[in-house]
């Protein structure tokens, strides 16, 4: 479905940009980044799905549903927290400095999240409240997760635009202003908190 497609596109663009950053070679990520990416994606999907189901009070029918990212229903916040809990331990195991790595990811990750949010829009998950604003959207496909035939806020698009803005700010401005390890991670987390 479109959610899985947008998530895959976002991940490919994220990896392409990241691999071209000078810090990627400085941290010697050429050999180990694929395994970090696979682990990060798995953790993000499971954590994001769990957080979504808890928030919506809809628990999955089976454990397999926690891996079904193409069905939508992934909490960005749940994915972020899950990655922050698991990946540092793996980086320590690989002897990759955690804070410089986290800063590098923080520069680029909001772009991936922005593109994935477009997948939320197509899947109908993470929908907004009913509204009368002229840019309201209405879902009519019974396969989507949003309520049908109601004018609702396109919160997924709001989120996608804010996340794109965070990426542009991190990529073009903040990465050149914050040099101490961990500063870009902190700025990203503050921006994400405001976006939420």
N, C-alpha and C. Protein backbone atom coordinates (compact mmCIF):
# COMPACT_ATOMS: atom_id res chain seq x y z
N UNK A 1 0.83 -1.19 0.00
CA UNK A 1 0.00 0.00 0.00
C UNK A 1 0.86 1.24 0.00
N UNK A 2 0.22 2.40 -0.02
CA UNK A 2 0.94 3.66 -0.14
C UNK A 2 1.78 3.99 1.09
N UNK A 3 1.35 3.56 2.27
CA UNK A 3 2.14 3.84 3.46
C UNK A 3 3.51 3.16 3.36
N UNK A 4 3.51 1.89 3.02
CA UNK A 4 4.76 1.15 2.88
C UNK A 4 5.64 1.74 1.79
N UNK A 5 5.03 2.16 0.69
CA UNK A 5 5.79 2.76 -0.41
C UNK A 5 6.45 4.07 0.04
N UNK A 6 5.70 4.93 0.71
CA UNK A 6 6.24 6.22 1.15
C UNK A 6 7.33 6.01 2.20
N UNK A 7 7.15 5.05 3.09
CA UNK A 7 8.17 4.75 4.09
C UNK A 7 9.45 4.26 3.41
N UNK A 8 9.30 3.41 2.40
CA UNK A 8 10.47 2.90 1.67
C UNK A 8 11.19 4.02 0.92
N UNK A 9 10.41 4.90 0.27
CA UNK A 9 11.02 6.04 -0.44
C UNK A 9 11.75 6.94 0.55
N UNK A 10 11.12 7.22 1.68
CA UNK A 10 11.74 8.05 2.70
C UNK A 10 13.04 7.45 3.21
N UNK A 11 13.04 6.14 3.42
CA UNK A 11 14.23 5.46 3.93
C UNK A 11 15.37 5.50 2.91
N UNK A 12 15.04 5.32 1.64
CA UNK A 12 16.07 5.38 0.60
C UNK A 12 16.69 6.77 0.48
N UNK A 13 15.85 7.80 0.52
CA UNK A 13 16.36 9.18 0.44
C UNK A 13 17.19 9.50 1.68
N UNK A 14 16.71 9.07 2.84
CA UNK A 14 17.44 9.26 4.10
C UNK A 14 18.83 8.64 4.00
N UNK A 15 18.91 7.41 3.55
CA UNK A 15 20.20 6.71 3.44
C UNK A 15 21.10 7.39 2.41
N UNK A 16 20.54 7.79 1.29
CA UNK A 16 21.32 8.43 0.22
C UNK A 16 21.95 9.72 0.72
N UNK A 17 21.19 10.56 1.41
CA UNK A 17 21.72 11.81 1.95
C UNK A 17 22.75 11.55 3.04
N UNK A 18 22.44 10.63 3.91
CA UNK A 18 23.31 10.33 5.04
C UNK A 18 24.67 9.84 4.57
N UNK A 19 24.68 8.95 3.59
CA UNK A 19 25.93 8.36 3.10
C UNK A 19 26.83 9.38 2.43
N UNK A 20 26.29 10.52 2.04
CA UNK A 20 27.08 11.56 1.40
C UNK A 20 27.58 12.63 2.37
N UNK A 21 27.20 12.52 3.61
CA UNK A 21 27.64 13.47 4.62
C UNK A 21 29.08 13.13 5.04
N UNK A 22 29.96 14.15 5.19
CA UNK A 22 31.36 13.86 5.57
C UNK A 22 31.49 13.06 6.86
N UNK A 23 30.58 13.26 7.80
CA UNK A 23 30.64 12.57 9.09
C UNK A 23 30.42 11.06 8.94
N UNK A 24 29.76 10.66 7.87
CA UNK A 24 29.50 9.24 7.62
C UNK A 24 30.82 8.48 7.50
N UNK A 25 31.79 9.05 6.78
CA UNK A 25 33.09 8.40 6.64
C UNK A 25 33.94 8.59 7.89
N UNK A 26 33.82 9.74 8.52
CA UNK A 26 34.59 10.00 9.74
C UNK A 26 34.26 8.97 10.82
N UNK A 27 32.98 8.59 10.90
CA UNK A 27 32.56 7.60 11.90
C UNK A 27 32.74 6.16 11.42
N UNK A 28 33.27 5.98 10.19
CA UNK A 28 33.51 4.65 9.61
C UNK A 28 32.23 3.82 9.56
N UNK A 29 31.20 4.43 9.03
CA UNK A 29 29.90 3.76 8.99
C UNK A 29 29.68 2.92 7.73
N UNK A 30 30.63 2.96 6.81
CA UNK A 30 30.44 2.24 5.55
C UNK A 30 30.17 0.75 5.77
N UNK A 31 30.87 0.16 6.74
CA UNK A 31 30.75 -1.30 6.94
C UNK A 31 29.54 -1.69 7.79
N UNK A 32 29.16 -0.82 8.72
CA UNK A 32 28.16 -1.26 9.71
C UNK A 32 26.81 -0.56 9.58
N UNK A 33 26.69 0.44 8.70
CA UNK A 33 25.44 1.21 8.72
C UNK A 33 24.25 0.38 8.24
N UNK A 34 24.48 -0.55 7.32
CA UNK A 34 23.34 -1.37 6.84
C UNK A 34 22.70 -2.14 7.99
N UNK A 35 23.53 -2.72 8.86
CA UNK A 35 22.97 -3.48 9.98
C UNK A 35 22.29 -2.54 10.98
N UNK A 36 22.85 -1.35 11.17
CA UNK A 36 22.22 -0.36 12.06
C UNK A 36 20.87 0.06 11.49
N UNK A 37 20.83 0.26 10.18
CA UNK A 37 19.59 0.70 9.51
C UNK A 37 18.51 -0.37 9.61
N UNK A 38 18.89 -1.62 9.39
CA UNK A 38 17.91 -2.72 9.47
C UNK A 38 17.37 -2.85 10.89
N UNK A 39 18.28 -2.82 11.87
CA UNK A 39 17.84 -2.89 13.26
C UNK A 39 16.98 -1.70 13.63
N UNK A 40 17.40 -0.50 13.21
CA UNK A 40 16.64 0.71 13.50
C UNK A 40 15.25 0.67 12.89
N UNK A 41 15.15 0.19 11.64
CA UNK A 41 13.85 0.10 10.98
C UNK A 41 12.94 -0.88 11.71
N UNK A 42 13.49 -2.05 12.09
CA UNK A 42 12.68 -3.05 12.79
C UNK A 42 12.20 -2.52 14.14
N UNK A 43 13.10 -1.88 14.88
CA UNK A 43 12.75 -1.33 16.19
C UNK A 43 11.71 -0.22 16.04
N UNK A 44 11.91 0.64 15.03
CA UNK A 44 10.97 1.74 14.80
C UNK A 44 9.58 1.23 14.46
N UNK A 45 9.52 0.21 13.62
CA UNK A 45 8.21 -0.34 13.21
C UNK A 45 7.51 -0.95 14.42
N UNK A 46 8.23 -1.79 15.16
CA UNK A 46 7.60 -2.46 16.32
C UNK A 46 7.20 -1.45 17.38
N UNK A 47 8.12 -0.54 17.73
CA UNK A 47 7.82 0.47 18.74
C UNK A 47 6.73 1.43 18.31
N UNK A 48 6.78 1.80 17.02
CA UNK A 48 5.75 2.70 16.49
C UNK A 48 4.38 2.06 16.45
N UNK A 49 4.34 0.78 16.08
CA UNK A 49 3.05 0.06 16.05
C UNK A 49 2.51 -0.13 17.47
N UNK A 50 3.39 -0.50 18.40
CA UNK A 50 2.96 -0.69 19.79
C UNK A 50 2.38 0.60 20.36
N UNK A 51 3.10 1.72 20.15
CA UNK A 51 2.64 3.01 20.67
C UNK A 51 1.31 3.41 20.03
N UNK A 52 1.16 3.13 18.74
CA UNK A 52 -0.10 3.45 18.06
C UNK A 52 -1.25 2.65 18.65
N UNK A 53 -1.04 1.35 18.83
CA UNK A 53 -2.11 0.49 19.35
C UNK A 53 -2.47 0.87 20.79
N UNK A 54 -1.47 1.24 21.59
CA UNK A 54 -1.75 1.66 22.95
C UNK A 54 -2.55 2.97 22.95
N UNK A 55 -2.13 3.92 22.12
CA UNK A 55 -2.81 5.22 22.05
C UNK A 55 -4.25 5.08 21.56
N UNK A 56 -4.46 4.19 20.60
CA UNK A 56 -5.79 4.00 20.02
C UNK A 56 -6.62 2.98 20.78
N UNK A 57 -5.99 2.31 21.77
CA UNK A 57 -6.65 1.25 22.54
C UNK A 57 -7.18 0.15 21.63
N UNK A 58 -6.42 -0.11 20.55
CA UNK A 58 -6.74 -1.21 19.63
C UNK A 58 -5.54 -2.13 19.61
N UNK A 59 -5.61 -3.23 20.28
CA UNK A 59 -4.45 -4.09 20.39
C UNK A 59 -4.40 -5.06 19.20
N UNK A 60 -3.18 -5.35 18.71
CA UNK A 60 -3.05 -6.19 17.52
C UNK A 60 -3.60 -7.59 17.74
N UNK A 61 -4.09 -8.17 16.66
CA UNK A 61 -4.65 -9.52 16.75
C UNK A 61 -3.56 -10.57 16.93
N UNK A 62 -2.37 -10.29 16.35
CA UNK A 62 -1.26 -11.23 16.49
C UNK A 62 0.05 -10.45 16.53
N UNK A 63 1.11 -11.12 16.93
CA UNK A 63 2.43 -10.48 16.97
C UNK A 63 2.87 -10.05 15.58
N UNK A 64 2.43 -10.77 14.56
CA UNK A 64 2.79 -10.44 13.18
C UNK A 64 2.32 -9.02 12.81
N UNK A 65 1.20 -8.59 13.37
CA UNK A 65 0.66 -7.26 13.07
C UNK A 65 1.63 -6.15 13.47
N UNK A 66 2.53 -6.41 14.40
CA UNK A 66 3.51 -5.41 14.81
C UNK A 66 4.57 -5.16 13.74
N UNK A 67 4.68 -6.08 12.77
CA UNK A 67 5.64 -5.91 11.68
C UNK A 67 4.98 -5.40 10.40
N UNK A 68 3.67 -5.33 10.37
CA UNK A 68 2.93 -4.99 9.15
C UNK A 68 2.92 -3.47 8.94
N UNK A 69 4.09 -2.91 8.63
CA UNK A 69 4.21 -1.46 8.47
C UNK A 69 3.41 -0.94 7.28
N UNK A 70 3.13 -1.77 6.29
CA UNK A 70 2.40 -1.35 5.11
C UNK A 70 0.93 -1.05 5.41
N UNK A 71 0.48 -1.46 6.58
CA UNK A 71 -0.92 -1.21 6.95
C UNK A 71 -1.12 0.16 7.60
N UNK A 72 -0.02 0.90 7.81
CA UNK A 72 -0.14 2.20 8.49
C UNK A 72 -0.30 2.00 9.98
N UNK A 73 -0.65 3.07 10.67
CA UNK A 73 -0.85 2.99 12.11
C UNK A 73 0.44 2.88 12.87
N UNK A 74 1.39 3.78 12.57
CA UNK A 74 2.67 3.80 13.27
C UNK A 74 2.83 5.16 13.95
N UNK A 75 3.10 5.15 15.22
CA UNK A 75 3.34 6.39 15.97
C UNK A 75 4.77 6.85 15.76
N UNK A 76 4.94 8.08 15.24
CA UNK A 76 6.28 8.64 15.04
C UNK A 76 7.00 8.74 16.38
N UNK A 77 6.27 9.16 17.40
CA UNK A 77 6.86 9.29 18.73
C UNK A 77 7.29 7.92 19.27
N UNK A 78 6.46 6.92 19.09
CA UNK A 78 6.80 5.56 19.54
C UNK A 78 8.02 5.02 18.82
N UNK A 79 8.11 5.29 17.52
CA UNK A 79 9.27 4.85 16.74
C UNK A 79 10.54 5.55 17.22
N UNK A 80 10.44 6.86 17.47
CA UNK A 80 11.60 7.63 17.91
C UNK A 80 12.10 7.15 19.27
N UNK A 81 11.19 6.98 20.21
CA UNK A 81 11.58 6.53 21.55
C UNK A 81 12.19 5.13 21.49
N UNK A 82 11.62 4.25 20.70
CA UNK A 82 12.14 2.89 20.58
C UNK A 82 13.57 2.89 20.05
N UNK A 83 13.82 3.70 19.04
CA UNK A 83 15.16 3.78 18.48
C UNK A 83 16.14 4.33 19.51
N UNK A 84 15.72 5.36 20.25
CA UNK A 84 16.59 5.95 21.26
C UNK A 84 16.92 4.99 22.39
N UNK A 85 16.06 4.00 22.61
CA UNK A 85 16.30 3.02 23.66
C UNK A 85 17.20 1.87 23.21
N UNK A 86 17.10 1.48 21.94
CA UNK A 86 17.78 0.26 21.49
C UNK A 86 19.10 0.54 20.76
N UNK A 87 19.10 1.50 19.85
CA UNK A 87 20.27 1.71 18.99
C UNK A 87 21.54 2.08 19.76
N UNK A 88 21.48 2.93 20.82
CA UNK A 88 22.73 3.22 21.54
C UNK A 88 23.46 1.97 22.05
N UNK A 89 22.73 0.97 22.50
CA UNK A 89 23.36 -0.27 22.97
C UNK A 89 24.08 -0.97 21.82
N UNK A 90 23.46 -0.96 20.65
CA UNK A 90 24.08 -1.59 19.48
C UNK A 90 25.32 -0.81 19.04
N UNK A 91 25.25 0.51 19.09
CA UNK A 91 26.40 1.34 18.73
C UNK A 91 27.56 1.09 19.70
N UNK A 92 27.24 0.95 20.97
CA UNK A 92 28.28 0.66 21.96
C UNK A 92 28.95 -0.68 21.64
N UNK A 93 28.13 -1.64 21.27
CA UNK A 93 28.66 -2.96 20.89
C UNK A 93 29.57 -2.86 19.67
N UNK A 94 29.22 -1.99 18.71
CA UNK A 94 30.00 -1.81 17.48
C UNK A 94 31.15 -0.82 17.66
N UNK A 95 31.28 -0.23 18.86
CA UNK A 95 32.31 0.76 19.17
C UNK A 95 32.21 2.01 18.28
N UNK A 96 30.98 2.42 18.02
CA UNK A 96 30.72 3.66 17.28
C UNK A 96 30.29 4.71 18.29
N UNK A 97 30.93 5.89 18.29
CA UNK A 97 30.57 6.92 19.28
C UNK A 97 29.10 7.33 19.15
N UNK A 98 28.39 7.24 20.25
CA UNK A 98 26.93 7.38 20.22
C UNK A 98 26.48 8.80 19.88
N UNK A 99 27.01 9.80 20.57
CA UNK A 99 26.51 11.16 20.35
C UNK A 99 26.82 11.71 18.95
N UNK A 100 28.05 11.53 18.41
CA UNK A 100 28.26 11.97 17.02
C UNK A 100 27.36 11.25 16.02
N UNK A 101 27.12 9.96 16.26
CA UNK A 101 26.21 9.22 15.39
C UNK A 101 24.79 9.78 15.49
N UNK A 102 24.35 10.01 16.73
CA UNK A 102 23.00 10.55 16.94
C UNK A 102 22.85 11.93 16.30
N UNK A 103 23.90 12.74 16.37
CA UNK A 103 23.85 14.06 15.72
C UNK A 103 23.69 13.92 14.22
N UNK A 104 24.44 12.99 13.62
CA UNK A 104 24.36 12.77 12.18
C UNK A 104 22.95 12.34 11.77
N UNK A 105 22.37 11.42 12.53
CA UNK A 105 21.01 10.96 12.25
C UNK A 105 20.02 12.10 12.44
N UNK A 106 20.22 12.91 13.48
CA UNK A 106 19.30 14.01 13.80
C UNK A 106 19.21 15.03 12.67
N UNK A 107 20.28 15.20 11.94
CA UNK A 107 20.27 16.15 10.82
C UNK A 107 19.29 15.69 9.74
N UNK A 108 19.22 14.39 9.52
CA UNK A 108 18.51 13.85 8.35
C UNK A 108 17.16 13.19 8.63
N UNK A 109 16.92 12.75 9.85
CA UNK A 109 15.77 11.86 10.12
C UNK A 109 14.42 12.53 9.92
N UNK A 110 14.33 13.84 10.13
CA UNK A 110 13.03 14.51 9.97
C UNK A 110 12.54 14.44 8.54
N UNK A 111 13.46 14.35 7.56
CA UNK A 111 13.04 14.22 6.16
C UNK A 111 12.36 12.86 5.95
N UNK A 112 12.96 11.81 6.50
CA UNK A 112 12.33 10.49 6.42
C UNK A 112 10.95 10.51 7.07
N UNK A 113 10.87 11.13 8.25
CA UNK A 113 9.58 11.19 8.95
C UNK A 113 8.56 11.98 8.15
N UNK A 114 8.99 13.03 7.50
CA UNK A 114 8.08 13.85 6.69
C UNK A 114 7.49 13.03 5.54
N UNK A 115 8.34 12.29 4.86
CA UNK A 115 7.87 11.47 3.73
C UNK A 115 6.97 10.35 4.24
N UNK A 116 7.32 9.75 5.37
CA UNK A 116 6.48 8.69 5.95
C UNK A 116 5.11 9.23 6.34
N UNK A 117 5.06 10.48 6.78
CA UNK A 117 3.78 11.10 7.12
C UNK A 117 2.85 11.19 5.92
N UNK A 118 3.42 11.33 4.73
CA UNK A 118 2.58 11.29 3.53
C UNK A 118 1.93 9.92 3.40
N UNK A 119 2.66 8.90 3.81
CA UNK A 119 2.07 7.55 3.83
C UNK A 119 0.92 7.47 4.81
N UNK A 120 1.05 8.16 5.95
CA UNK A 120 -0.06 8.22 6.92
C UNK A 120 -1.29 8.87 6.28
N UNK A 121 -1.05 9.90 5.50
CA UNK A 121 -2.15 10.60 4.81
C UNK A 121 -2.88 9.64 3.88
N UNK A 122 -2.13 8.88 3.10
CA UNK A 122 -2.75 7.95 2.16
C UNK A 122 -3.45 6.79 2.87
N UNK A 123 -2.88 6.35 4.00
CA UNK A 123 -3.49 5.24 4.74
C UNK A 123 -4.68 5.68 5.58
N UNK A 124 -4.75 6.98 5.88
CA UNK A 124 -5.85 7.49 6.69
C UNK A 124 -5.62 7.37 8.18
N UNK A 125 -4.41 6.99 8.58
CA UNK A 125 -4.13 6.92 10.02
C UNK A 125 -3.69 8.30 10.51
N UNK A 126 -3.63 8.46 11.81
CA UNK A 126 -3.18 9.72 12.43
C UNK A 126 -4.02 10.90 11.94
N UNK A 127 -5.29 10.68 11.72
CA UNK A 127 -6.17 11.70 11.16
C UNK A 127 -6.54 12.74 12.22
N UNK A 128 -7.06 13.88 11.74
CA UNK A 128 -7.39 14.99 12.62
C UNK A 128 -8.86 15.02 13.01
N UNK A 129 -9.19 16.05 13.76
CA UNK A 129 -10.57 16.25 14.22
C UNK A 129 -11.45 16.76 13.08
N UNK A 130 -12.75 16.61 13.24
CA UNK A 130 -13.67 17.15 12.24
C UNK A 130 -13.56 18.67 12.22
N UNK A 131 -13.78 19.23 11.04
CA UNK A 131 -13.58 20.67 10.87
C UNK A 131 -14.41 21.18 9.70
N UNK A 132 -14.51 22.51 9.62
CA UNK A 132 -15.19 23.15 8.48
C UNK A 132 -14.22 24.00 7.68
N UNK A 133 -12.92 23.88 7.92
CA UNK A 133 -11.96 24.68 7.17
C UNK A 133 -11.99 24.27 5.70
N UNK A 134 -11.69 25.20 4.78
CA UNK A 134 -11.79 24.89 3.36
C UNK A 134 -10.83 23.81 2.87
N UNK A 135 -9.73 23.58 3.58
CA UNK A 135 -8.77 22.57 3.15
C UNK A 135 -9.00 21.22 3.84
N UNK A 136 -10.17 21.05 4.45
CA UNK A 136 -10.50 19.77 5.09
C UNK A 136 -10.47 18.65 4.04
N UNK A 137 -10.20 17.44 4.51
CA UNK A 137 -10.22 16.28 3.62
C UNK A 137 -11.31 15.32 4.06
N UNK A 138 -11.73 14.48 3.11
CA UNK A 138 -12.76 13.48 3.41
C UNK A 138 -12.31 12.14 2.85
N UNK A 139 -12.29 11.14 3.69
CA UNK A 139 -11.95 9.80 3.23
C UNK A 139 -13.22 9.05 2.84
N UNK A 140 -13.14 8.34 1.72
CA UNK A 140 -14.31 7.59 1.23
C UNK A 140 -13.99 6.10 1.03
N UNK A 141 -12.71 5.73 1.13
CA UNK A 141 -12.31 4.35 0.91
C UNK A 141 -12.47 3.56 2.21
N UNK A 142 -13.21 2.50 2.19
CA UNK A 142 -13.48 1.71 3.40
C UNK A 142 -12.22 1.06 3.95
N UNK A 143 -11.17 0.98 3.15
CA UNK A 143 -9.93 0.36 3.60
C UNK A 143 -9.04 1.28 4.43
N UNK A 144 -9.39 2.55 4.51
CA UNK A 144 -8.54 3.48 5.27
C UNK A 144 -8.91 3.44 6.75
N UNK A 145 -8.05 4.02 7.57
CA UNK A 145 -8.23 3.97 9.02
C UNK A 145 -9.03 5.15 9.56
N UNK A 146 -9.25 6.17 8.73
CA UNK A 146 -9.95 7.37 9.18
C UNK A 146 -11.46 7.17 9.09
N UNK A 147 -12.22 7.98 9.84
CA UNK A 147 -13.68 7.92 9.70
C UNK A 147 -14.10 8.36 8.29
N UNK A 148 -15.09 7.69 7.76
CA UNK A 148 -15.50 7.95 6.37
C UNK A 148 -16.53 9.07 6.29
N UNK A 149 -16.47 9.80 5.17
CA UNK A 149 -17.45 10.83 4.81
C UNK A 149 -17.59 11.94 5.86
N UNK A 150 -16.45 12.29 6.47
CA UNK A 150 -16.43 13.41 7.41
C UNK A 150 -15.30 14.35 7.02
N UNK A 151 -15.57 15.64 7.09
CA UNK A 151 -14.52 16.62 6.83
C UNK A 151 -13.61 16.69 8.06
N UNK A 152 -12.34 16.36 7.85
CA UNK A 152 -11.39 16.33 8.97
C UNK A 152 -10.12 17.11 8.60
N UNK A 153 -9.41 17.53 9.63
CA UNK A 153 -8.13 18.21 9.42
C UNK A 153 -7.11 17.21 8.84
N UNK A 154 -6.35 17.63 7.83
CA UNK A 154 -5.27 16.76 7.31
C UNK A 154 -4.03 16.86 8.20
N UNK A 155 -4.14 16.37 9.42
CA UNK A 155 -3.04 16.52 10.38
C UNK A 155 -1.75 15.85 9.89
N UNK A 156 -1.90 14.80 9.07
CA UNK A 156 -0.72 14.14 8.53
C UNK A 156 0.07 15.12 7.65
N UNK A 157 -0.64 15.95 6.88
CA UNK A 157 0.04 16.93 6.02
C UNK A 157 0.62 18.06 6.85
N UNK A 158 -0.08 18.47 7.90
CA UNK A 158 0.49 19.48 8.80
C UNK A 158 1.82 18.96 9.35
N UNK A 159 1.78 17.73 9.82
CA UNK A 159 2.97 17.13 10.41
C UNK A 159 4.09 17.01 9.37
N UNK A 160 3.74 16.57 8.16
CA UNK A 160 4.74 16.41 7.10
C UNK A 160 5.42 17.74 6.79
N UNK A 161 4.65 18.81 6.75
CA UNK A 161 5.23 20.13 6.45
C UNK A 161 6.13 20.62 7.59
N UNK A 162 5.69 20.42 8.82
CA UNK A 162 6.52 20.82 9.97
C UNK A 162 7.81 20.01 10.00
N UNK A 163 7.71 18.71 9.77
CA UNK A 163 8.90 17.86 9.75
C UNK A 163 9.85 18.24 8.62
N UNK A 164 9.30 18.60 7.48
CA UNK A 164 10.15 19.08 6.38
C UNK A 164 10.88 20.35 6.79
N UNK A 165 10.16 21.25 7.46
CA UNK A 165 10.78 22.47 7.97
C UNK A 165 11.90 22.18 8.96
N UNK A 166 11.67 21.20 9.85
CA UNK A 166 12.71 20.81 10.81
C UNK A 166 13.93 20.28 10.08
N UNK A 167 13.71 19.44 9.08
CA UNK A 167 14.84 18.91 8.30
C UNK A 167 15.62 20.05 7.63
N UNK A 168 14.92 20.96 6.97
CA UNK A 168 15.60 22.07 6.28
C UNK A 168 16.41 22.92 7.26
N UNK A 169 15.83 23.17 8.42
CA UNK A 169 16.53 23.94 9.45
C UNK A 169 17.78 23.19 9.95
N UNK A 170 17.62 21.89 10.22
CA UNK A 170 18.75 21.09 10.70
C UNK A 170 19.84 20.98 9.63
N UNK A 171 19.44 20.75 8.39
CA UNK A 171 20.38 20.45 7.31
C UNK A 171 21.13 21.69 6.83
N UNK A 172 20.41 22.78 6.68
CA UNK A 172 21.02 23.96 6.08
C UNK A 172 21.54 24.99 7.09
N UNK A 173 21.10 24.93 8.33
CA UNK A 173 21.49 25.95 9.29
C UNK A 173 22.14 25.35 10.54
N UNK A 174 21.40 24.54 11.26
CA UNK A 174 21.82 24.16 12.61
C UNK A 174 23.05 23.26 12.66
N UNK A 175 23.24 22.41 11.66
CA UNK A 175 24.40 21.53 11.71
C UNK A 175 25.71 22.30 11.65
N UNK A 176 25.67 23.53 11.16
CA UNK A 176 26.87 24.36 11.08
C UNK A 176 27.05 25.24 12.32
N UNK A 177 26.02 25.32 13.14
CA UNK A 177 26.08 26.18 14.33
C UNK A 177 26.34 25.40 15.61
N UNK A 178 25.95 24.12 15.63
CA UNK A 178 26.12 23.31 16.83
C UNK A 178 27.19 22.25 16.57
N UNK A 179 28.30 22.36 17.28
CA UNK A 179 29.45 21.49 17.01
C UNK A 179 29.72 20.48 18.12
N UNK A 180 29.26 20.74 19.33
CA UNK A 180 29.54 19.82 20.43
C UNK A 180 28.70 18.56 20.29
N UNK A 181 29.28 17.39 20.54
CA UNK A 181 28.51 16.13 20.42
C UNK A 181 27.26 16.15 21.29
N UNK A 182 26.15 15.78 20.69
CA UNK A 182 24.87 15.70 21.40
C UNK A 182 24.00 16.92 21.24
N UNK A 183 24.57 18.04 20.80
CA UNK A 183 23.77 19.26 20.67
C UNK A 183 22.69 19.14 19.60
N UNK A 184 23.06 18.58 18.45
CA UNK A 184 22.07 18.44 17.37
C UNK A 184 20.97 17.46 17.77
N UNK A 185 21.33 16.42 18.50
CA UNK A 185 20.31 15.49 19.00
C UNK A 185 19.33 16.22 19.90
N UNK A 186 19.84 17.04 20.80
CA UNK A 186 18.97 17.78 21.71
C UNK A 186 18.05 18.74 20.96
N UNK A 187 18.61 19.43 19.96
CA UNK A 187 17.80 20.36 19.16
C UNK A 187 16.71 19.60 18.41
N UNK A 188 17.08 18.46 17.83
CA UNK A 188 16.09 17.64 17.11
C UNK A 188 14.96 17.19 18.04
N UNK A 189 15.32 16.72 19.24
CA UNK A 189 14.30 16.26 20.18
C UNK A 189 13.40 17.41 20.62
N UNK A 190 13.96 18.61 20.79
CA UNK A 190 13.12 19.76 21.13
C UNK A 190 12.17 20.11 19.98
N UNK A 191 12.70 20.07 18.76
CA UNK A 191 11.86 20.35 17.58
C UNK A 191 10.76 19.31 17.45
N UNK A 192 11.10 18.03 17.68
CA UNK A 192 10.10 16.98 17.60
C UNK A 192 9.02 17.16 18.66
N UNK A 193 9.42 17.59 19.84
CA UNK A 193 8.44 17.83 20.90
C UNK A 193 7.48 18.93 20.51
N UNK A 194 8.01 19.98 19.89
CA UNK A 194 7.14 21.08 19.44
C UNK A 194 6.22 20.62 18.30
N UNK A 195 6.75 19.78 17.42
CA UNK A 195 5.94 19.26 16.31
C UNK A 195 4.78 18.42 16.83
N UNK A 196 5.04 17.64 17.88
CA UNK A 196 3.99 16.80 18.44
C UNK A 196 2.89 17.66 19.04
